[in-house]
């Protein structure tokens, strides 16, 4: 029987069948999370307080560090709670918020990495024109575009996913609320959601990755030409 109403919450199974493994993973994820917090916080402080680091590269790097802080804080605490405790549930609202923020910061990070690759391309391949091309105003505009695309992607992707008719058991075989897991949990037609996820993957992952590879390919070529000169 299909439940066409919004569920109260979901059960995140994770590695619930392997309690010992859960405790080991808890320690590993906690250490990784603390190191991530420490590293990104140091980058933010240094790039803000040291005037010598007030450059486009460190401007984008500080944006990336802030995104990493937000992205990991969205996912990891819930994961740690589920790994350590006996209660492995998340409310429908909590799942919505987690999914929305996950899309927002994840997409923004992908776009920002592409922007950073472009910045390094100009710095290496067009060093004499770097200051005129990558000026402060352009840096703010590129960062704003990355954040805007992330917000739009989150607004477009999240509501259709959580409007799916979910099966009564509400068990997600994962640590987090993610689109593939929620699609598998649905008892209705998920064709639209699958197409939407595929299109989003192309524009948010494949295209940025291709541009990054092209940029670093050009950088590698420029460096090799300098060395052979």
C-alpha atoms as a PDB file:
ATOM      1  CA  UNK A   1       0.000   0.000   0.000  1.00  0.00           C
ATOM      2  CA  UNK A   2       1.411   3.386  -0.993  1.00  0.00           C
ATOM      3  CA  UNK A   3       1.457   6.222   1.500  1.00  0.00           C
ATOM      4  CA  UNK A   4       0.603   9.401  -0.385  1.00  0.00           C
ATOM      5  CA  UNK A   5       0.949  11.628   2.672  1.00  0.00           C
ATOM      6  CA  UNK A   6       4.127  13.231   3.943  1.00  0.00           C
ATOM      7  CA  UNK A   7       5.851  10.865   6.391  1.00  0.00           C
ATOM      8  CA  UNK A   8       6.559  11.938   9.958  1.00  0.00           C
ATOM      9  CA  UNK A   9      10.206  10.991   9.520  1.00  0.00           C
ATOM     10  CA  UNK A  10      12.671   8.491   8.146  1.00  0.00           C
ATOM     11  CA  UNK A  11      14.785   5.714   9.636  1.00  0.00           C
ATOM     12  CA  UNK A  12      18.458   5.953   8.656  1.00  0.00           C
ATOM     13  CA  UNK A  13      19.791   2.400   8.706  1.00  0.00           C
ATOM     14  CA  UNK A  14      23.455   3.018   7.874  1.00  0.00           C
ATOM     15  CA  UNK A  15      25.477   0.145   9.385  1.00  0.00           C
ATOM     16  CA  UNK A  16      22.886  -0.677  12.048  1.00  0.00           C
ATOM     17  CA  UNK A  17      23.471  -4.408  11.485  1.00  0.00           C
ATOM     18  CA  UNK A  18      27.148  -4.000  12.492  1.00  0.00           C
ATOM     19  CA  UNK A  19      27.300  -2.187  15.878  1.00  0.00           C
ATOM     20  CA  UNK A  20      31.072  -2.587  16.297  1.00  0.00           C
ATOM     21  CA  UNK A  21      31.732  -1.159  12.857  1.00  0.00           C
ATOM     22  CA  UNK A  22      29.510   1.799  13.743  1.00  0.00           C
ATOM     23  CA  UNK A  23      31.680   2.665  16.754  1.00  0.00           C
ATOM     24  CA  UNK A  24      34.858   2.497  14.656  1.00  0.00           C
ATOM     25  CA  UNK A  25      33.298   4.685  11.974  1.00  0.00           C
ATOM     26  CA  UNK A  26      32.110   7.111  14.664  1.00  0.00           C
ATOM     27  CA  UNK A  27      35.695   7.663  15.836  1.00  0.00           C
ATOM     28  CA  UNK A  28      37.010   8.010  12.265  1.00  0.00           C
ATOM     29  CA  UNK A  29      34.305  10.458  11.185  1.00  0.00           C
ATOM     30  CA  UNK A  30      34.615  12.470  14.402  1.00  0.00           C
ATOM     31  CA  UNK A  31      38.387  12.857  13.975  1.00  0.00           C
ATOM     32  CA  UNK A  32      37.973  13.795  10.300  1.00  0.00           C
ATOM     33  CA  UNK A  33      35.247  16.292  11.182  1.00  0.00           C
ATOM     34  CA  UNK A  34      37.341  17.965  13.898  1.00  0.00           C
ATOM     35  CA  UNK A  35      40.347  18.193  11.572  1.00  0.00           C
ATOM     36  CA  UNK A  36      38.123  19.700   8.869  1.00  0.00           C
ATOM     37  CA  UNK A  37      36.775  22.287  11.310  1.00  0.00           C
ATOM     38  CA  UNK A  38      40.262  23.161  12.533  1.00  0.00           C
ATOM     39  CA  UNK A  39      41.848  23.376   9.082  1.00  0.00           C
ATOM     40  CA  UNK A  40      39.117  25.451   7.471  1.00  0.00           C
ATOM     41  CA  UNK A  41      38.824  27.765  10.481  1.00  0.00           C
ATOM     42  CA  UNK A  42      42.576  28.432  10.341  1.00  0.00           C
ATOM     43  CA  UNK A  43      42.369  29.199   6.614  1.00  0.00           C
ATOM     44  CA  UNK A  44      39.503  31.633   7.208  1.00  0.00           C
ATOM     45  CA  UNK A  45      41.327  33.389  10.047  1.00  0.00           C
ATOM     46  CA  UNK A  46      44.627  33.662   8.177  1.00  0.00           C
ATOM     47  CA  UNK A  47      43.082  34.870   4.920  1.00  0.00           C
ATOM     48  CA  UNK A  48      41.069  37.475   6.844  1.00  0.00           C
ATOM     49  CA  UNK A  49      43.680  38.743   9.314  1.00  0.00           C
ATOM     50  CA  UNK A  50      46.832  38.671   7.165  1.00  0.00           C
ATOM     51  CA  UNK A  51      46.838  41.593   4.654  1.00  0.00           C
ATOM     52  CA  UNK A  52      49.365  39.728   2.484  1.00  0.00           C
ATOM     53  CA  UNK A  53      46.705  37.114   1.776  1.00  0.00           C
ATOM     54  CA  UNK A  54      44.118  39.600   0.512  1.00  0.00           C
ATOM     55  CA  UNK A  55      44.369  38.312  -3.054  1.00  0.00           C
ATOM     56  CA  UNK A  56      41.872  36.693  -5.449  1.00  0.00           C
ATOM     57  CA  UNK A  57      43.254  33.203  -4.813  1.00  0.00           C
ATOM     58  CA  UNK A  58      42.807  33.467  -1.041  1.00  0.00           C
ATOM     59  CA  UNK A  59      39.447  35.182  -1.464  1.00  0.00           C
ATOM     60  CA  UNK A  60      38.156  32.135  -3.326  1.00  0.00           C
ATOM     61  CA  UNK A  61      39.958  29.802  -0.921  1.00  0.00           C
ATOM     62  CA  UNK A  62      38.259  31.447   2.073  1.00  0.00           C
ATOM     63  CA  UNK A  63      34.895  31.027   0.323  1.00  0.00           C
ATOM     64  CA  UNK A  64      35.703  27.358  -0.247  1.00  0.00           C
ATOM     65  CA  UNK A  65      36.731  26.899   3.396  1.00  0.00           C
ATOM     66  CA  UNK A  66      33.489  28.474   4.577  1.00  0.00           C
ATOM     67  CA  UNK A  67      31.544  26.176   2.252  1.00  0.00           C
ATOM     68  CA  UNK A  68      33.419  23.143   3.582  1.00  0.00           C
ATOM     69  CA  UNK A  69      32.582  24.158   7.143  1.00  0.00           C
ATOM     70  CA  UNK A  70      28.890  24.549   6.323  1.00  0.00           C
ATOM     71  CA  UNK A  71      28.739  21.442   4.127  1.00  0.00           C
ATOM     72  CA  UNK A  72      30.318  19.112   6.676  1.00  0.00           C
ATOM     73  CA  UNK A  73      28.346  20.615   9.563  1.00  0.00           C
ATOM     74  CA  UNK A  74      25.165  19.885   7.633  1.00  0.00           C
ATOM     75  CA  UNK A  75      25.958  16.193   7.198  1.00  0.00           C
ATOM     76  CA  UNK A  76      28.421  14.924   9.790  1.00  0.00           C
ATOM     77  CA  UNK A  77      26.696  15.709  13.151  1.00  0.00           C
ATOM     78  CA  UNK A  78      23.557  13.798  12.141  1.00  0.00           C
ATOM     79  CA  UNK A  79      25.762  10.959  10.930  1.00  0.00           C
ATOM     80  CA  UNK A  80      27.644  10.874  14.249  1.00  0.00           C
ATOM     81  CA  UNK A  81      24.391  10.819  16.239  1.00  0.00           C
ATOM     82  CA  UNK A  82      23.107   7.890  14.191  1.00  0.00           C
ATOM     83  CA  UNK A  83      26.379   5.985  14.469  1.00  0.00           C
ATOM     84  CA  UNK A  84      26.666   6.345  18.248  1.00  0.00           C
ATOM     85  CA  UNK A  85      23.086   6.304  19.487  1.00  0.00           C
ATOM     86  CA  UNK A  86      20.297   3.779  19.292  1.00  0.00           C
ATOM     87  CA  UNK A  87      17.855   6.281  17.768  1.00  0.00           C
ATOM     88  CA  UNK A  88      18.492   6.438  14.043  1.00  0.00           C
ATOM     89  CA  UNK A  89      15.648   8.618  12.840  1.00  0.00           C
ATOM     90  CA  UNK A  90      15.375  12.011  11.197  1.00  0.00           C
ATOM     91  CA  UNK A  91      12.209  14.065  10.969  1.00  0.00           C
ATOM     92  CA  UNK A  92      10.653  14.958   7.634  1.00  0.00           C
ATOM     93  CA  UNK A  93      11.486  18.633   8.256  1.00  0.00           C
ATOM     94  CA  UNK A  94      15.034  17.690   9.247  1.00  0.00           C
ATOM     95  CA  UNK A  95      15.406  15.679   6.055  1.00  0.00           C
ATOM     96  CA  UNK A  96      14.074  18.607   4.002  1.00  0.00           C
ATOM     97  CA  UNK A  97      16.511  21.057   5.619  1.00  0.00           C
ATOM     98  CA  UNK A  98      19.430  18.643   5.253  1.00  0.00           C
ATOM     99  CA  UNK A  99      18.654  17.981   1.600  1.00  0.00           C
ATOM    100  CA  UNK A 100      18.177  21.692   0.831  1.00  0.00           C
ATOM    101  CA  UNK A 101      21.447  22.739   2.478  1.00  0.00           C
ATOM    102  CA  UNK A 102      23.268  19.731   1.020  1.00  0.00           C
ATOM    103  CA  UNK A 103      22.285  20.805  -2.508  1.00  0.00           C
ATOM    104  CA  UNK A 104      22.985  24.462  -1.774  1.00  0.00           C
ATOM    105  CA  UNK A 105      26.512  24.094  -0.449  1.00  0.00           C
ATOM    106  CA  UNK A 106      27.443  21.102  -2.615  1.00  0.00           C
ATOM    107  CA  UNK A 107      26.489  22.841  -5.862  1.00  0.00           C
ATOM    108  CA  UNK A 108      28.107  26.115  -4.807  1.00  0.00           C
ATOM    109  CA  UNK A 109      31.324  24.259  -4.020  1.00  0.00           C
ATOM    110  CA  UNK A 110      31.393  22.604  -7.452  1.00  0.00           C
ATOM    111  CA  UNK A 111      30.948  25.953  -9.218  1.00  0.00           C
ATOM    112  CA  UNK A 112      33.484  27.662  -6.962  1.00  0.00           C
ATOM    113  CA  UNK A 113      36.107  25.001  -7.726  1.00  0.00           C
ATOM    114  CA  UNK A 114      35.593  25.783 -11.422  1.00  0.00           C
ATOM    115  CA  UNK A 115      36.060  29.498 -10.721  1.00  0.00           C
ATOM    116  CA  UNK A 116      39.264  28.753  -8.807  1.00  0.00           C
ATOM    117  CA  UNK A 117      40.579  26.701 -11.733  1.00  0.00           C
ATOM    118  CA  UNK A 118      39.887  29.662 -14.043  1.00  0.00           C
ATOM    119  CA  UNK A 119      41.707  31.971 -11.610  1.00  0.00           C
ATOM    120  CA  UNK A 120      44.794  29.718 -11.645  1.00  0.00           C
ATOM    121  CA  UNK A 121      44.602  29.443 -15.447  1.00  0.00           C
ATOM    122  CA  UNK A 122      44.754  33.226 -15.833  1.00  0.00           C
ATOM    123  CA  UNK A 123      47.527  33.500 -13.209  1.00  0.00           C
ATOM    124  CA  UNK A 124      49.759  30.979 -15.008  1.00  0.00           C
ATOM    125  CA  UNK A 125      48.838  31.439 -18.667  1.00  0.00           C
ATOM    126  CA  UNK A 126      48.167  35.199 -18.663  1.00  0.00           C
ATOM    127  CA  UNK A 127      50.368  36.513 -15.829  1.00  0.00           C
ATOM    128  CA  UNK A 128      50.855  39.996 -17.301  1.00  0.00           C
ATOM    129  CA  UNK A 129      47.095  40.536 -17.568  1.00  0.00           C
ATOM    130  CA  UNK A 130      46.132  38.794 -14.321  1.00  0.00           C
ATOM    131  CA  UNK A 131      45.558  41.967 -12.294  1.00  0.00           C
ATOM    132  CA  UNK A 132      43.361  43.522 -14.968  1.00  0.00           C
ATOM    133  CA  UNK A 133      41.328  40.356 -15.632  1.00  0.00           C
ATOM    134  CA  UNK A 134      40.876  39.023 -12.081  1.00  0.00           C
ATOM    135  CA  UNK A 135      40.060  42.293 -10.323  1.00  0.00           C
ATOM    136  CA  UNK A 136      38.234  42.477  -6.946  1.00  0.00           C
ATOM    137  CA  UNK A 137      34.871  43.295  -8.497  1.00  0.00           C
ATOM    138  CA  UNK A 138      35.030  40.237 -10.758  1.00  0.00           C
ATOM    139  CA  UNK A 139      35.980  38.076  -7.768  1.00  0.00           C
ATOM    140  CA  UNK A 140      32.858  39.154  -5.899  1.00  0.00           C
ATOM    141  CA  UNK A 141      30.720  38.657  -9.009  1.00  0.00           C
ATOM    142  CA  UNK A 142      32.045  35.144  -9.642  1.00  0.00           C
ATOM    143  CA  UNK A 143      31.563  34.167  -6.004  1.00  0.00           C
ATOM    144  CA  UNK A 144      28.028  35.591  -6.066  1.00  0.00           C
ATOM    145  CA  UNK A 145      27.222  33.610  -9.225  1.00  0.00           C
ATOM    146  CA  UNK A 146      28.455  30.401  -7.577  1.00  0.00           C
ATOM    147  CA  UNK A 147      26.278  30.984  -4.500  1.00  0.00           C
ATOM    148  CA  UNK A 148      23.279  31.940  -6.666  1.00  0.00           C
ATOM    149  CA  UNK A 149      23.560  28.781  -8.781  1.00  0.00           C
ATOM    150  CA  UNK A 150      23.752  26.725  -5.603  1.00  0.00           C
ATOM    151  CA  UNK A 151      20.611  28.344  -4.228  1.00  0.00           C
ATOM    152  CA  UNK A 152      18.700  27.887  -7.496  1.00  0.00           C
ATOM    153  CA  UNK A 153      19.733  24.238  -7.744  1.00  0.00           C
ATOM    154  CA  UNK A 154      18.607  23.638  -4.172  1.00  0.00           C
ATOM    155  CA  UNK A 155      15.231  25.309  -4.751  1.00  0.00           C
ATOM    156  CA  UNK A 156      14.660  23.353  -7.969  1.00  0.00           C
ATOM    157  CA  UNK A 157      15.810  19.934  -6.741  1.00  0.00           C
ATOM    158  CA  UNK A 158      14.602  19.644  -3.142  1.00  0.00           C
ATOM    159  CA  UNK A 159      10.773  20.081  -3.267  1.00  0.00           C
ATOM    160  CA  UNK A 160      10.107  17.527  -6.060  1.00  0.00           C
ATOM    161  CA  UNK A 161      12.154  14.930  -4.176  1.00  0.00           C
ATOM    162  CA  UNK A 162      10.235  15.297  -0.924  1.00  0.00           C
ATOM    163  CA  UNK A 163       6.855  15.409  -2.715  1.00  0.00           C
ATOM    164  CA  UNK A 164       7.308  11.782  -3.766  1.00  0.00           C
ATOM    165  CA  UNK A 165       4.836   9.214  -2.374  1.00  0.00           C
ATOM    166  CA  UNK A 166       7.025   7.309   0.080  1.00  0.00           C
ATOM    167  CA  UNK A 167       6.532   3.690   1.098  1.00  0.00           C
ATOM    168  CA  UNK A 168       5.247   3.089   4.653  1.00  0.00           C
ATOM    169  CA  UNK A 169       8.438   1.468   6.019  1.00  0.00           C
ATOM    170  CA  UNK A 170      10.377   4.774   5.618  1.00  0.00           C
ATOM    171  CA  UNK A 171      13.750   3.017   5.921  1.00  0.00           C
ATOM    172  CA  UNK A 172      16.677   4.706   4.177  1.00  0.00           C
ATOM    173  CA  UNK A 173      19.705   2.472   3.679  1.00  0.00           C
ATOM    174  CA  UNK A 174      22.121   5.345   4.258  1.00  0.00           C
ATOM    175  CA  UNK A 175      23.473   7.759   6.883  1.00  0.00           C
ATOM    176  CA  UNK A 176      21.872  10.832   5.305  1.00  0.00           C
ATOM    177  CA  UNK A 177      18.863  12.024   3.345  1.00  0.00           C
ATOM    178  CA  UNK A 178      20.098  11.846  -0.239  1.00  0.00           C
ATOM    179  CA  UNK A 179      18.157  11.956  -3.490  1.00  0.00           C
ATOM    180  CA  UNK A 180      19.030   8.417  -4.734  1.00  0.00           C
ATOM    181  CA  UNK A 181      18.009   6.897  -1.383  1.00  0.00           C
ATOM    182  CA  UNK A 182      14.740   8.841  -1.289  1.00  0.00           C
ATOM    183  CA  UNK A 183      13.946   7.880  -4.884  1.00  0.00           C
ATOM    184  CA  UNK A 184      14.449   4.206  -4.005  1.00  0.00           C
ATOM    185  CA  UNK A 185      12.125   4.682  -1.032  1.00  0.00           C
ATOM    186  CA  UNK A 186       9.323   6.000  -3.237  1.00  0.00           C
ATOM    187  CA  UNK A 187       6.405   3.775  -4.213  1.00  0.00           C
ATOM    188  CA  UNK A 188       5.324   6.060  -7.053  1.00  0.00           C
ATOM    189  CA  UNK A 189       6.600   7.087 -10.476  1.00  0.00           C
ATOM    190  CA  UNK A 190      10.093   8.569 -10.126  1.00  0.00           C
ATOM    191  CA  UNK A 191      10.883   9.141 -13.815  1.00  0.00           C
ATOM    192  CA  UNK A 192      10.801  12.936 -13.507  1.00  0.00           C
ATOM    193  CA  UNK A 193      13.051  12.868 -10.439  1.00  0.00           C
ATOM    194  CA  UNK A 194      15.544  10.536 -12.094  1.00  0.00           C
ATOM    195  CA  UNK A 195      15.715  12.733 -15.204  1.00  0.00           C
ATOM    196  CA  UNK A 196      16.085  15.825 -13.024  1.00  0.00           C
ATOM    197  CA  UNK A 197      18.907  14.177 -11.060  1.00  0.00           C
ATOM    198  CA  UNK A 198      20.696  13.134 -14.268  1.00  0.00           C
ATOM    199  CA  UNK A 199      20.454  16.631 -15.783  1.00  0.00           C
ATOM    200  CA  UNK A 200      21.636  18.210 -12.536  1.00  0.00           C
ATOM    201  CA  UNK A 201      24.584  15.800 -12.393  1.00  0.00           C
ATOM    202  CA  UNK A 202      25.650  16.832 -15.890  1.00  0.00           C
ATOM    203  CA  UNK A 203      25.479  20.578 -15.241  1.00  0.00           C
ATOM    204  CA  UNK A 204      26.739  20.538 -11.653  1.00  0.00           C
ATOM    205  CA  UNK A 205      29.365  17.772 -11.799  1.00  0.00           C
ATOM    206  CA  UNK A 206      30.327  16.801 -15.356  1.00  0.00           C
ATOM    207  CA  UNK A 207      30.524  20.307 -16.871  1.00  0.00           C
ATOM    208  CA  UNK A 208      32.505  21.876 -13.977  1.00  0.00           C
ATOM    209  CA  UNK A 209      34.837  18.864 -13.852  1.00  0.00           C
ATOM    210  CA  UNK A 210      35.444  19.114 -17.605  1.00  0.00           C
ATOM    211  CA  UNK A 211      36.225  22.838 -17.333  1.00  0.00           C
ATOM    212  CA  UNK A 212      38.587  22.186 -14.420  1.00  0.00           C
ATOM    213  CA  UNK A 213      40.428  19.499 -16.403  1.00  0.00           C
ATOM    214  CA  UNK A 214      40.711  21.800 -19.426  1.00  0.00           C
ATOM    215  CA  UNK A 215      42.057  24.622 -17.233  1.00  0.00           C
ATOM    216  CA  UNK A 216      44.666  22.447 -15.564  1.00  0.00           C
ATOM    217  CA  UNK A 217      45.557  20.879 -18.890  1.00  0.00           C
ATOM    218  CA  UNK A 218      46.313  24.367 -20.227  1.00  0.00           C
ATOM    219  CA  UNK A 219      48.290  25.166 -17.058  1.00  0.00           C
ATOM    220  CA  UNK A 220      50.346  21.975 -17.423  1.00  0.00           C
ATOM    221  CA  UNK A 221      51.040  22.775 -21.064  1.00  0.00           C
ATOM    222  CA  UNK A 222      52.145  26.324 -20.189  1.00  0.00           C
ATOM    223  CA  UNK A 223      54.477  25.079 -17.439  1.00  0.00           C
ATOM    224  CA  UNK A 224      56.038  22.472 -19.743  1.00  0.00           C
ATOM    225  CA  UNK A 225      56.609  25.121 -22.421  1.00  0.00           C
ATOM    226  CA  UNK A 226      58.332  27.362 -19.859  1.00  0.00           C
ATOM    227  CA  UNK A 227      60.577  24.519 -18.709  1.00  0.00           C
ATOM    228  CA  UNK A 228      61.527  23.578 -22.277  1.00  0.00           C
ATOM    229  CA  UNK A 229      62.290  27.181 -23.286  1.00  0.00           C
END
